[in-house]
Amino acid sequence: LSCAASGRTFSRSAMGWFRQAPGKERECVAGISWSGGKTSYADS
């Protein structure tokens, strides 16, 4: 999956990917810090 950003600067913004299955709450599956040096993932 790709996420293209436009508009104001995004270099100091942390990014995340979430997902939502039917009938379920939206959950975070992955996050990345603004430097890219830190990442985190859901256990699943």
PDB file of all heavy atoms in Angstrom:
ATOM      1  N   LEU A   1       0.838  -1.190   0.000  1.00  0.00           N
ATOM      2  CA  LEU A   1       0.000   0.000   0.000  1.00  0.00           C
ATOM      3  C   LEU A   1       0.875   1.243   0.000  1.00  0.00           C
ATOM      4  O   LEU A   1       1.934   1.259   0.620  1.00  0.00           O
ATOM      5  CB  LEU A   1      -0.913   0.015   1.222  1.00  0.00           C
ATOM      6  CG  LEU A   1      -1.811  -1.195   1.433  1.00  0.00           C
ATOM      7  CD1 LEU A   1      -2.698  -0.982   2.660  1.00  0.00           C
ATOM      8  CD2 LEU A   1      -2.646  -1.499   0.212  1.00  0.00           C
ATOM      9  N   SER A   2       0.400   2.266  -0.693  1.00  0.00           N
ATOM     10  CA  SER A   2       1.100   3.549  -0.728  1.00  0.00           C
ATOM     11  C   SER A   2       0.187   4.640  -0.198  1.00  0.00           C
ATOM     12  O   SER A   2      -1.037   4.564  -0.355  1.00  0.00           O
ATOM     13  CB  SER A   2       1.517   3.902  -2.153  1.00  0.00           C
ATOM     14  OG  SER A   2       2.415   2.940  -2.668  1.00  0.00           O
ATOM     15  N   CYS A   3       0.784   5.644   0.402  1.00  0.00           N
ATOM     16  CA  CYS A   3       0.041   6.789   0.915  1.00  0.00           C
ATOM     17  C   CYS A   3       0.777   8.045   0.462  1.00  0.00           C
ATOM     18  O   CYS A   3       1.853   8.357   0.985  1.00  0.00           O
ATOM     19  CB  CYS A   3      -0.038   6.725   2.429  1.00  0.00           C
ATOM     20  SG  CYS A   3      -0.738   8.209   3.212  1.00  0.00           S
ATOM     21  N   ALA A   4       0.216   8.732  -0.509  1.00  0.00           N
ATOM     22  CA  ALA A   4       0.827   9.938  -1.045  1.00  0.00           C
ATOM     23  C   ALA A   4       0.292  11.155  -0.308  1.00  0.00           C
ATOM     24  O   ALA A   4      -0.925  11.337  -0.194  1.00  0.00           O
ATOM     25  CB  ALA A   4       0.541  10.049  -2.531  1.00  0.00           C
ATOM     26  N   ALA A   5       1.204  11.978   0.178  1.00  0.00           N
ATOM     27  CA  ALA A   5       0.830  13.178   0.931  1.00  0.00           C
ATOM     28  C   ALA A   5       1.038  14.420   0.086  1.00  0.00           C
ATOM     29  O   ALA A   5       1.992  14.504  -0.689  1.00  0.00           O
ATOM     30  CB  ALA A   5       1.651  13.282   2.205  1.00  0.00           C
ATOM     31  N   SER A   6       0.179  15.364   0.252  1.00  0.00           N
ATOM     32  CA  SER A   6       0.336  16.660  -0.412  1.00  0.00           C
ATOM     33  C   SER A   6      -0.094  17.743   0.559  1.00  0.00           C
ATOM     34  O   SER A   6      -0.735  17.486   1.571  1.00  0.00           O
ATOM     35  CB  SER A   6      -0.499  16.726  -1.688  1.00  0.00           C
ATOM     36  OG  SER A   6      -1.876  16.575  -1.392  1.00  0.00           O
ATOM     37  N   GLY A   7       0.301  18.952   0.247  1.00  0.00           N
ATOM     38  CA  GLY A   7      -0.042  20.051   1.138  1.00  0.00           C
ATOM     39  C   GLY A   7       1.164  20.467   1.960  1.00  0.00           C
ATOM     40  O   GLY A   7       2.291  20.403   1.512  1.00  0.00           O
ATOM     41  N   ARG A   8       0.892  20.849   3.212  1.00  0.00           N
ATOM     42  CA  ARG A   8       1.983  21.338   4.040  1.00  0.00           C
ATOM     43  C   ARG A   8       2.984  20.243   4.328  1.00  0.00           C
ATOM     44  O   ARG A   8       2.745  19.079   4.087  1.00  0.00           O
ATOM     45  CB  ARG A   8       1.422  21.910   5.331  1.00  0.00           C
ATOM     46  CG  ARG A   8       0.799  20.881   6.251  1.00  0.00           C
ATOM     47  CD  ARG A   8       0.067  21.566   7.395  1.00  0.00           C
ATOM     48  NE  ARG A   8       0.916  22.402   8.205  1.00  0.00           N
ATOM     49  CZ  ARG A   8       1.630  21.957   9.215  1.00  0.00           C
ATOM     50  NH1 ARG A   8       1.615  20.688   9.526  1.00  0.00           N
ATOM     51  NH2 ARG A   8       2.386  22.777   9.931  1.00  0.00           N
ATOM     52  N   THR A   9       4.112  20.619   4.901  1.00  0.00           N
ATOM     53  CA  THR A   9       5.209  19.699   5.119  1.00  0.00           C
ATOM     54  C   THR A   9       4.786  18.459   5.892  1.00  0.00           C
ATOM     55  O   THR A   9       3.931  18.530   6.762  1.00  0.00           O
ATOM     56  CB  THR A   9       6.352  20.394   5.869  1.00  0.00           C
ATOM     57  OG1 THR A   9       7.440  19.472   6.017  1.00  0.00           O
ATOM     58  CG2 THR A   9       5.901  20.857   7.248  1.00  0.00           C
ATOM     59  N   PHE A  10       5.371  17.361   5.515  1.00  0.00           N
ATOM     60  CA  PHE A  10       5.017  16.115   6.162  1.00  0.00           C
ATOM     61  C   PHE A  10       6.245  15.465   6.779  1.00  0.00           C
ATOM     62  O   PHE A  10       6.165  14.448   7.441  1.00  0.00           O
ATOM     63  CB  PHE A  10       4.273  15.263   5.124  1.00  0.00           C
ATOM     64  CG  PHE A  10       4.790  13.898   4.804  1.00  0.00           C
ATOM     65  CD1 PHE A  10       3.996  12.808   5.106  1.00  0.00           C
ATOM     66  CD2 PHE A  10       5.994  13.665   4.197  1.00  0.00           C
ATOM     67  CE1 PHE A  10       4.389  11.531   4.788  1.00  0.00           C
ATOM     68  CE2 PHE A  10       6.399  12.377   3.883  1.00  0.00           C
ATOM     69  CZ  PHE A  10       5.589  11.305   4.169  1.00  0.00           C
ATOM     70  N   SER A  11       7.400  16.107   6.607  1.00  0.00           N
ATOM     71  CA  SER A  11       8.638  15.477   7.046  1.00  0.00           C
ATOM     72  C   SER A  11       8.732  15.351   8.563  1.00  0.00           C
ATOM     73  O   SER A  11       9.453  14.482   9.044  1.00  0.00           O
ATOM     74  CB  SER A  11       9.842  16.251   6.517  1.00  0.00           C
ATOM     75  OG  SER A  11       9.833  17.563   7.016  1.00  0.00           O
ATOM     76  N   ARG A  12       8.044  16.178   9.337  1.00  0.00           N
ATOM     77  CA  ARG A  12       8.095  16.064  10.791  1.00  0.00           C
ATOM     78  C   ARG A  12       6.832  15.399  11.351  1.00  0.00           C
ATOM     79  O   ARG A  12       6.604  15.416  12.568  1.00  0.00           O
ATOM     80  CB  ARG A  12       8.256  17.448  11.428  1.00  0.00           C
ATOM     81  CG  ARG A  12       9.560  18.150  11.082  1.00  0.00           C
ATOM     82  CD  ARG A  12      10.739  17.638  11.832  1.00  0.00           C
ATOM     83  NE  ARG A  12      10.646  17.815  13.270  1.00  0.00           N
ATOM     84  CZ  ARG A  12      11.699  17.942  14.075  1.00  0.00           C
ATOM     85  NH1 ARG A  12      12.906  17.929  13.561  1.00  0.00           N
ATOM     86  NH2 ARG A  12      11.551  18.074  15.374  1.00  0.00           N
ATOM     87  N   SER A  13       6.037  14.808  10.477  1.00  0.00           N
ATOM     88  CA  SER A  13       4.820  14.136  10.911  1.00  0.00           C
ATOM     89  C   SER A  13       5.054  12.645  11.040  1.00  0.00           C
ATOM     90  O   SER A  13       5.633  12.031  10.144  1.00  0.00           O
ATOM     91  CB  SER A  13       3.691  14.373   9.896  1.00  0.00           C
ATOM     92  OG  SER A  13       3.356  15.731   9.801  1.00  0.00           O
ATOM     93  N   ALA A  14       4.609  12.067  12.158  1.00  0.00           N
ATOM     94  CA  ALA A  14       4.589  10.613  12.260  1.00  0.00           C
ATOM     95  C   ALA A  14       3.456  10.104  11.372  1.00  0.00           C
ATOM     96  O   ALA A  14       2.461  10.804  11.144  1.00  0.00           O
ATOM     97  CB  ALA A  14       4.372  10.190  13.703  1.00  0.00           C
ATOM     98  N   MET A  15       3.619   8.884  10.883  1.00  0.00           N
ATOM     99  CA  MET A  15       2.626   8.288   9.997  1.00  0.00           C
ATOM    100  C   MET A  15       2.147   6.975  10.592  1.00  0.00           C
ATOM    101  O   MET A  15       2.877   6.298  11.327  1.00  0.00           O
ATOM    102  CB  MET A  15       3.230   8.017   8.616  1.00  0.00           C
ATOM    103  CG  MET A  15       3.799   9.233   7.928  1.00  0.00           C
ATOM    104  SD  MET A  15       2.558  10.423   7.474  1.00  0.00           S
ATOM    105  CE  MET A  15       1.613   9.506   6.251  1.00  0.00           C
ATOM    106  N   GLY A  16       0.936   6.617  10.234  1.00  0.00           N
ATOM    107  CA  GLY A  16       0.401   5.346  10.714  1.00  0.00           C
ATOM    108  C   GLY A  16      -0.501   4.715   9.676  1.00  0.00           C
ATOM    109  O   GLY A  16      -1.040   5.402   8.802  1.00  0.00           O
ATOM    110  N   TRP A  17      -0.623   3.416   9.760  1.00  0.00           N
ATOM    111  CA  TRP A  17      -1.598   2.670   8.962  1.00  0.00           C
ATOM    112  C   TRP A  17      -2.583   2.015   9.920  1.00  0.00           C
ATOM    113  O   TRP A  17      -2.172   1.332  10.873  1.00  0.00           O
ATOM    114  CB  TRP A  17      -0.916   1.601   8.113  1.00  0.00           C
ATOM    115  CG  TRP A  17      -0.215   2.136   6.916  1.00  0.00           C
ATOM    116  CD1 TRP A  17       1.122   2.437   6.800  1.00  0.00           C
ATOM    117  CD2 TRP A  17      -0.798   2.426   5.637  1.00  0.00           C
ATOM    118  NE1 TRP A  17       1.389   2.899   5.541  1.00  0.00           N
ATOM    119  CE2 TRP A  17       0.236   2.900   4.802  1.00  0.00           C
ATOM    120  CE3 TRP A  17      -2.092   2.328   5.116  1.00  0.00           C
ATOM    121  CZ2 TRP A  17       0.016   3.276   3.482  1.00  0.00           C
ATOM    122  CZ3 TRP A  17      -2.307   2.705   3.806  1.00  0.00           C
ATOM    123  CH2 TRP A  17      -1.262   3.173   3.006  1.00  0.00           C
ATOM    124  N   PHE A  18      -3.857   2.245   9.639  1.00  0.00           N
ATOM    125  CA  PHE A  18      -4.935   1.647  10.415  1.00  0.00           C
ATOM    126  C   PHE A  18      -5.757   0.761   9.484  1.00  0.00           C
ATOM    127  O   PHE A  18      -5.686   0.898   8.260  1.00  0.00           O
ATOM    128  CB  PHE A  18      -5.841   2.744  10.989  1.00  0.00           C
ATOM    129  CG  PHE A  18      -5.229   3.530  12.118  1.00  0.00           C
ATOM    130  CD1 PHE A  18      -4.199   4.430  11.885  1.00  0.00           C
ATOM    131  CD2 PHE A  18      -5.692   3.380  13.414  1.00  0.00           C
ATOM    132  CE1 PHE A  18      -3.630   5.165  12.928  1.00  0.00           C
ATOM    133  CE2 PHE A  18      -5.131   4.107  14.461  1.00  0.00           C
ATOM    134  CZ  PHE A  18      -4.108   4.994  14.206  1.00  0.00           C
ATOM    135  N   ARG A  19      -6.558  -0.101  10.079  1.00  0.00           N
ATOM    136  CA  ARG A  19      -7.496  -0.875   9.275  1.00  0.00           C
ATOM    137  C   ARG A  19      -8.800  -1.053  10.037  1.00  0.00           C
ATOM    138  O   ARG A  19      -8.821  -1.022  11.277  1.00  0.00           O
ATOM    139  CB  ARG A  19      -6.912  -2.240   8.886  1.00  0.00           C
ATOM    140  CG  ARG A  19      -6.741  -3.219  10.039  1.00  0.00           C
ATOM    141  CD  ARG A  19      -6.056  -4.482   9.539  1.00  0.00           C
ATOM    142  NE  ARG A  19      -5.870  -5.471  10.608  1.00  0.00           N
ATOM    143  CZ  ARG A  19      -5.178  -6.589  10.469  1.00  0.00           C
ATOM    144  NH1 ARG A  19      -4.590  -6.876   9.315  1.00  0.00           N
ATOM    145  NH2 ARG A  19      -5.063  -7.423  11.488  1.00  0.00           N
ATOM    146  N   GLN A  20      -9.849  -1.222   9.272  1.00  0.00           N
ATOM    147  CA  GLN A  20     -11.174  -1.433   9.872  1.00  0.00           C
ATOM    148  C   GLN A  20     -11.906  -2.505   9.081  1.00  0.00           C
ATOM    149  O   GLN A  20     -12.192  -2.323   7.892  1.00  0.00           O
ATOM    150  CB  GLN A  20     -11.978  -0.136   9.888  1.00  0.00           C
ATOM    151  CG  GLN A  20     -13.275  -0.244  10.657  1.00  0.00           C
ATOM    152  CD  GLN A  20     -13.880   1.113  10.957  1.00  0.00           C
ATOM    153  OE1 GLN A  20     -13.570   2.107  10.309  1.00  0.00           O
ATOM    154  NE2 GLN A  20     -14.747   1.158  11.962  1.00  0.00           N
ATOM    155  N   ALA A  21     -12.189  -3.609   9.749  1.00  0.00           N
ATOM    156  CA  ALA A  21     -12.960  -4.689   9.161  1.00  0.00           C
ATOM    157  C   ALA A  21     -14.438  -4.461   9.472  1.00  0.00           C
ATOM    158  O   ALA A  21     -14.768  -3.776  10.449  1.00  0.00           O
ATOM    159  CB  ALA A  21     -12.490  -6.022   9.726  1.00  0.00           C
ATOM    160  N   PRO A  22     -15.336  -5.041   8.677  1.00  0.00           N
ATOM    161  CA  PRO A  22     -16.773  -4.854   8.919  1.00  0.00           C
ATOM    162  C   PRO A  22     -17.164  -5.260  10.335  1.00  0.00           C
ATOM    163  O   PRO A  22     -16.784  -6.331  10.812  1.00  0.00           O
ATOM    164  CB  PRO A  22     -17.423  -5.768   7.883  1.00  0.00           C
ATOM    165  CG  PRO A  22     -16.426  -5.860   6.787  1.00  0.00           C
ATOM    166  CD  PRO A  22     -15.085  -5.822   7.450  1.00  0.00           C
ATOM    167  N   GLY A  23     -17.874  -4.381  11.017  1.00  0.00           N
ATOM    168  CA  GLY A  23     -18.341  -4.680  12.361  1.00  0.00           C
ATOM    169  C   GLY A  23     -17.296  -4.553  13.448  1.00  0.00           C
ATOM    170  O   GLY A  23     -17.573  -4.858  14.612  1.00  0.00           O
ATOM    171  N   LYS A  24     -16.107  -4.100  13.083  1.00  0.00           N
ATOM    172  CA  LYS A  24     -15.030  -3.985  14.070  1.00  0.00           C
ATOM    173  C   LYS A  24     -14.553  -2.538  14.160  1.00  0.00           C
ATOM    174  O   LYS A  24     -14.770  -1.738  13.265  1.00  0.00           O
ATOM    175  CB  LYS A  24     -13.861  -4.903  13.703  1.00  0.00           C
ATOM    176  CG  LYS A  24     -14.206  -6.382  13.771  1.00  0.00           C
ATOM    177  CD  LYS A  24     -12.968  -7.240  13.621  1.00  0.00           C
ATOM    178  CE  LYS A  24     -13.292  -8.712  13.790  1.00  0.00           C
ATOM    179  NZ  LYS A  24     -12.083  -9.570  13.687  1.00  0.00           N
ATOM    180  N   GLU A  25     -13.866  -2.246  15.250  1.00  0.00           N
ATOM    181  CA  GLU A  25     -13.307  -0.914  15.420  1.00  0.00           C
ATOM    182  C   GLU A  25     -12.043  -0.756  14.567  1.00  0.00           C
ATOM    183  O   GLU A  25     -11.369  -1.735  14.241  1.00  0.00           O
ATOM    184  CB  GLU A  25     -12.975  -0.682  16.896  1.00  0.00           C
ATOM    185  CG  GLU A  25     -14.193  -0.589  17.789  1.00  0.00           C
ATOM    186  CD  GLU A  25     -13.845  -0.188  19.211  1.00  0.00           C
ATOM    187  OE1 GLU A  25     -12.649  -0.095  19.531  1.00  0.00           O
ATOM    188  OE2 GLU A  25     -14.780   0.022  19.993  1.00  0.00           O
ATOM    189  N   ARG A  26     -11.761   0.486  14.252  1.00  0.00           N
ATOM    190  CA  ARG A  26     -10.532   0.758  13.520  1.00  0.00           C
ATOM    191  C   ARG A  26      -9.339   0.531  14.444  1.00  0.00           C
ATOM    192  O   ARG A  26      -9.343   0.967  15.598  1.00  0.00           O
ATOM    193  CB  ARG A  26     -10.529   2.209  13.017  1.00  0.00           C
ATOM    194  CG  ARG A  26      -9.474   2.503  11.990  1.00  0.00           C
ATOM    195  CD  ARG A  26      -9.648   3.898  11.394  1.00  0.00           C
ATOM    196  NE  ARG A  26     -10.918   4.042  10.697  1.00  0.00           N
ATOM    197  CZ  ARG A  26     -11.214   5.099   9.941  1.00  0.00           C
ATOM    198  NH1 ARG A  26     -10.338   6.093   9.793  1.00  0.00           N
ATOM    199  NH2 ARG A  26     -12.402   5.191   9.359  1.00  0.00           N
ATOM    200  N   GLU A  27      -8.330  -0.174  13.928  1.00  0.00           N
ATOM    201  CA  GLU A  27      -7.157  -0.488  14.735  1.00  0.00           C
ATOM    202  C   GLU A  27      -5.890  -0.069  14.010  1.00  0.00           C
ATOM    203  O   GLU A  27      -5.814  -0.094  12.785  1.00  0.00           O
ATOM    204  CB  GLU A  27      -7.092  -1.994  15.033  1.00  0.00           C
ATOM    205  CG  GLU A  27      -6.953  -2.865  13.801  1.00  0.00           C
ATOM    206  CD  GLU A  27      -6.669  -4.325  14.120  1.00  0.00           C
ATOM    207  OE1 GLU A  27      -6.326  -4.635  15.274  1.00  0.00           O
ATOM    208  OE2 GLU A  27      -6.760  -5.148  13.200  1.00  0.00           O
ATOM    209  N   CYS A  28      -4.890   0.285  14.804  1.00  0.00           N
ATOM    210  CA  CYS A  28      -3.602   0.650  14.245  1.00  0.00           C
ATOM    211  C   CYS A  28      -2.805  -0.617  13.985  1.00  0.00           C
ATOM    212  O   CYS A  28      -2.649  -1.466  14.869  1.00  0.00           O
ATOM    213  CB  CYS A  28      -2.838   1.549  15.201  1.00  0.00           C
ATOM    214  SG  CYS A  28      -1.274   2.148  14.538  1.00  0.00           S
ATOM    215  N   VAL A  29      -2.310  -0.778  12.770  1.00  0.00           N
ATOM    216  CA  VAL A  29      -1.483  -1.945  12.468  1.00  0.00           C
ATOM    217  C   VAL A  29      -0.002  -1.600  12.433  1.00  0.00           C
ATOM    218  O   VAL A  29       0.841  -2.474  12.685  1.00  0.00           O
ATOM    219  CB  VAL A  29      -1.896  -2.636  11.151  1.00  0.00           C
ATOM    220  CG1 VAL A  29      -3.295  -3.197  11.255  1.00  0.00           C
ATOM    221  CG2 VAL A  29      -1.778  -1.687   9.971  1.00  0.00           C
ATOM    222  N   ALA A  30       0.333  -0.320  12.132  1.00  0.00           N
ATOM    223  CA  ALA A  30       1.745   0.045  12.084  1.00  0.00           C
ATOM    224  C   ALA A  30       1.907   1.553  12.219  1.00  0.00           C
ATOM    225  O   ALA A  30       1.036   2.313  11.791  1.00  0.00           O
ATOM    226  CB  ALA A  30       2.379  -0.413  10.771  1.00  0.00           C
ATOM    227  N   GLY A  31       3.022   1.947  12.818  1.00  0.00           N
ATOM    228  CA  GLY A  31       3.336   3.365  12.944  1.00  0.00           C
ATOM    229  C   GLY A  31       4.807   3.587  12.668  1.00  0.00           C
ATOM    230  O   GLY A  31       5.639   2.693  12.871  1.00  0.00           O
ATOM    231  N   ILE A  32       5.145   4.780  12.185  1.00  0.00           N
ATOM    232  CA  ILE A  32       6.531   5.123  11.923  1.00  0.00           C
ATOM    233  C   ILE A  32       6.752   6.553  12.386  1.00  0.00           C
ATOM    234  O   ILE A  32       5.913   7.432  12.184  1.00  0.00           O
ATOM    235  CB  ILE A  32       6.886   4.933  10.432  1.00  0.00           C
ATOM    236  CG1 ILE A  32       8.382   5.096  10.190  1.00  0.00           C
ATOM    237  CG2 ILE A  32       6.066   5.853   9.535  1.00  0.00           C
ATOM    238  CD1 ILE A  32       8.820   4.586   8.807  1.00  0.00           C
ATOM    239  N   SER A  33       7.877   6.787  13.040  1.00  0.00           N
ATOM    240  CA  SER A  33       8.197   8.124  13.536  1.00  0.00           C
ATOM    241  C   SER A  33       8.586   9.054  12.390  1.00  0.00           C
ATOM    242  O   SER A  33       8.821   8.603  11.263  1.00  0.00           O
ATOM    243  CB  SER A  33       9.339   8.039  14.549  1.00  0.00           C
ATOM    244  OG  SER A  33      10.533   7.600  13.904  1.00  0.00           O
ATOM    245  N   TRP A  34       8.691  10.346  12.668  1.00  0.00           N
ATOM    246  CA  TRP A  34       8.951  11.280  11.578  1.00  0.00           C
ATOM    247  C   TRP A  34      10.315  11.068  10.948  1.00  0.00           C
ATOM    248  O   TRP A  34      10.504  11.329   9.760  1.00  0.00           O
ATOM    249  CB  TRP A  34       8.766  12.737  12.019  1.00  0.00           C
ATOM    250  CG  TRP A  34       9.660  13.260  13.103  1.00  0.00           C
ATOM    251  CD1 TRP A  34       9.330  13.431  14.411  1.00  0.00           C
ATOM    252  CD2 TRP A  34      11.014  13.723  12.977  1.00  0.00           C
ATOM    253  NE1 TRP A  34      10.391  13.954  15.102  1.00  0.00           N
ATOM    254  CE2 TRP A  34      11.441  14.151  14.241  1.00  0.00           C
ATOM    255  CE3 TRP A  34      11.907  13.822  11.903  1.00  0.00           C
ATOM    256  CZ2 TRP A  34      12.709  14.658  14.480  1.00  0.00           C
ATOM    257  CZ3 TRP A  34      13.177  14.332  12.127  1.00  0.00           C
ATOM    258  CH2 TRP A  34      13.566  14.732  13.411  1.00  0.00           C
ATOM    259  N   SER A  35      11.287  10.562  11.724  1.00  0.00           N
ATOM    260  CA  SER A  35      12.606  10.312  11.144  1.00  0.00           C
ATOM    261  C   SER A  35      12.656   8.985  10.410  1.00  0.00           C
ATOM    262  O   SER A  35      13.609   8.717   9.667  1.00  0.00           O
ATOM    263  CB  SER A  35      13.671  10.302  12.233  1.00  0.00           C
ATOM    264  OG  SER A  35      13.612   9.100  12.981  1.00  0.00           O
ATOM    265  N   GLY A  36      11.673   8.142  10.663  1.00  0.00           N
ATOM    266  CA  GLY A  36      11.714   6.791  10.114  1.00  0.00           C
ATOM    267  C   GLY A  36      12.529   5.839  10.970  1.00  0.00           C
ATOM    268  O   GLY A  36      12.596   4.648  10.683  1.00  0.00           O
ATOM    269  N   GLY A  37      13.114   6.363  12.026  1.00  0.00           N
ATOM    270  CA  GLY A  37      13.990   5.545  12.844  1.00  0.00           C
ATOM    271  C   GLY A  37      13.289   4.644  13.828  1.00  0.00           C
ATOM    272  O   GLY A  37      13.891   3.723  14.381  1.00  0.00           O
ATOM    273  N   LYS A  38      12.024   4.907  14.075  1.00  0.00           N
ATOM    274  CA  LYS A  38      11.246   4.060  14.982  1.00  0.00           C
ATOM    275  C   LYS A  38      10.003   3.568  14.268  1.00  0.00           C
ATOM    276  O   LYS A  38       9.337   4.328  13.570  1.00  0.00           O
ATOM    277  CB  LYS A  38      10.833   4.856  16.225  1.00  0.00           C
ATOM    278  CG  LYS A  38      11.980   5.323  17.099  1.00  0.00           C
ATOM    279  CD  LYS A  38      11.470   6.075  18.303  1.00  0.00           C
ATOM    280  CE  LYS A  38      12.613   6.572  19.171  1.00  0.00           C
ATOM    281  NZ  LYS A  38      12.124   7.356  20.332  1.00  0.00           N
ATOM    282  N   THR A  39       9.712   2.286  14.455  1.00  0.00           N
ATOM    283  CA  THR A  39       8.499   1.698  13.916  1.00  0.00           C
ATOM    284  C   THR A  39       7.828   0.855  15.001  1.00  0.00           C
ATOM    285  O   THR A  39       8.490   0.400  15.949  1.00  0.00           O
ATOM    286  CB  THR A  39       8.771   0.818  12.695  1.00  0.00           C
ATOM    287  OG1 THR A  39       9.714  -0.212  13.052  1.00  0.00           O
ATOM    288  CG2 THR A  39       9.346   1.630  11.541  1.00  0.00           C
ATOM    289  N   SER A  40       6.550   0.660  14.853  1.00  0.00           N
ATOM    290  CA  SER A  40       5.811  -0.185  15.788  1.00  0.00           C
ATOM    291  C   SER A  40       4.732  -0.928  15.017  1.00  0.00           C
ATOM    292  O   SER A  40       4.269  -0.437  13.971  1.00  0.00           O
ATOM    293  CB  SER A  40       5.191   0.648  16.912  1.00  0.00           C
ATOM    294  OG  SER A  40       4.302   1.612  16.392  1.00  0.00           O
ATOM    295  N   TYR A  41       4.358  -2.106  15.530  1.00  0.00           N
ATOM    296  CA  TYR A  41       3.402  -2.948  14.833  1.00  0.00           C
ATOM    297  C   TYR A  41       2.437  -3.602  15.820  1.00  0.00           C
ATOM    298  O   TYR A  41       2.803  -3.917  16.953  1.00  0.00           O
ATOM    299  CB  TYR A  41       4.126  -4.054  14.061  1.00  0.00           C
ATOM    300  CG  TYR A  41       5.054  -3.535  12.996  1.00  0.00           C
ATOM    301  CD1 TYR A  41       6.400  -3.297  13.266  1.00  0.00           C
ATOM    302  CD2 TYR A  41       4.569  -3.254  11.719  1.00  0.00           C
ATOM    303  CE1 TYR A  41       7.246  -2.797  12.288  1.00  0.00           C
ATOM    304  CE2 TYR A  41       5.405  -2.749  10.738  1.00  0.00           C
ATOM    305  CZ  TYR A  41       6.749  -2.525  11.034  1.00  0.00           C
ATOM    306  OH  TYR A  41       7.575  -2.024  10.067  1.00  0.00           O
ATOM    307  N   ALA A  42       1.231  -3.838  15.335  1.00  0.00           N
ATOM    308  CA  ALA A  42       0.294  -4.655  16.103  1.00  0.00           C
ATOM    309  C   ALA A  42       0.808  -6.083  16.114  1.00  0.00           C
ATOM    310  O   ALA A  42       1.450  -6.539  15.154  1.00  0.00           O
ATOM    311  CB  ALA A  42      -1.091  -4.599  15.462  1.00  0.00           C
ATOM    312  N   ASP A  43       0.524  -6.793  17.181  1.00  0.00           N
ATOM    313  CA  ASP A  43       0.994  -8.180  17.287  1.00  0.00           C
ATOM    314  C   ASP A  43       0.500  -9.037  16.131  1.00  0.00           C
ATOM    315  O   ASP A  43       1.197  -9.947  15.682  1.00  0.00           O
ATOM    316  CB  ASP A  43       0.533  -8.784  18.616  1.00  0.00           C
ATOM    317  CG  ASP A  43       1.292  -8.230  19.808  1.00  0.00           C
ATOM    318  OD1 ASP A  43       2.371  -7.626  19.617  1.00  0.00           O
ATOM    319  OD2 ASP A  43       0.796  -8.403  20.938  1.00  0.00           O
ATOM    320  N   SER A  44      -0.688  -8.732  15.645  1.00  0.00           N
ATOM    321  CA  SER A  44      -1.299  -9.558  14.604  1.00  0.00           C
ATOM    322  C   SER A  44      -0.573  -9.457  13.264  1.00  0.00           C
ATOM    323  O   SER A  44      -0.757 -10.320  12.396  1.00  0.00           O
ATOM    324  CB  SER A  44      -2.767  -9.170  14.420  1.00  0.00           C
ATOM    325  OG  SER A  44      -2.872  -7.795  14.087  1.00  0.00           O
TER     326      SER A  44
END
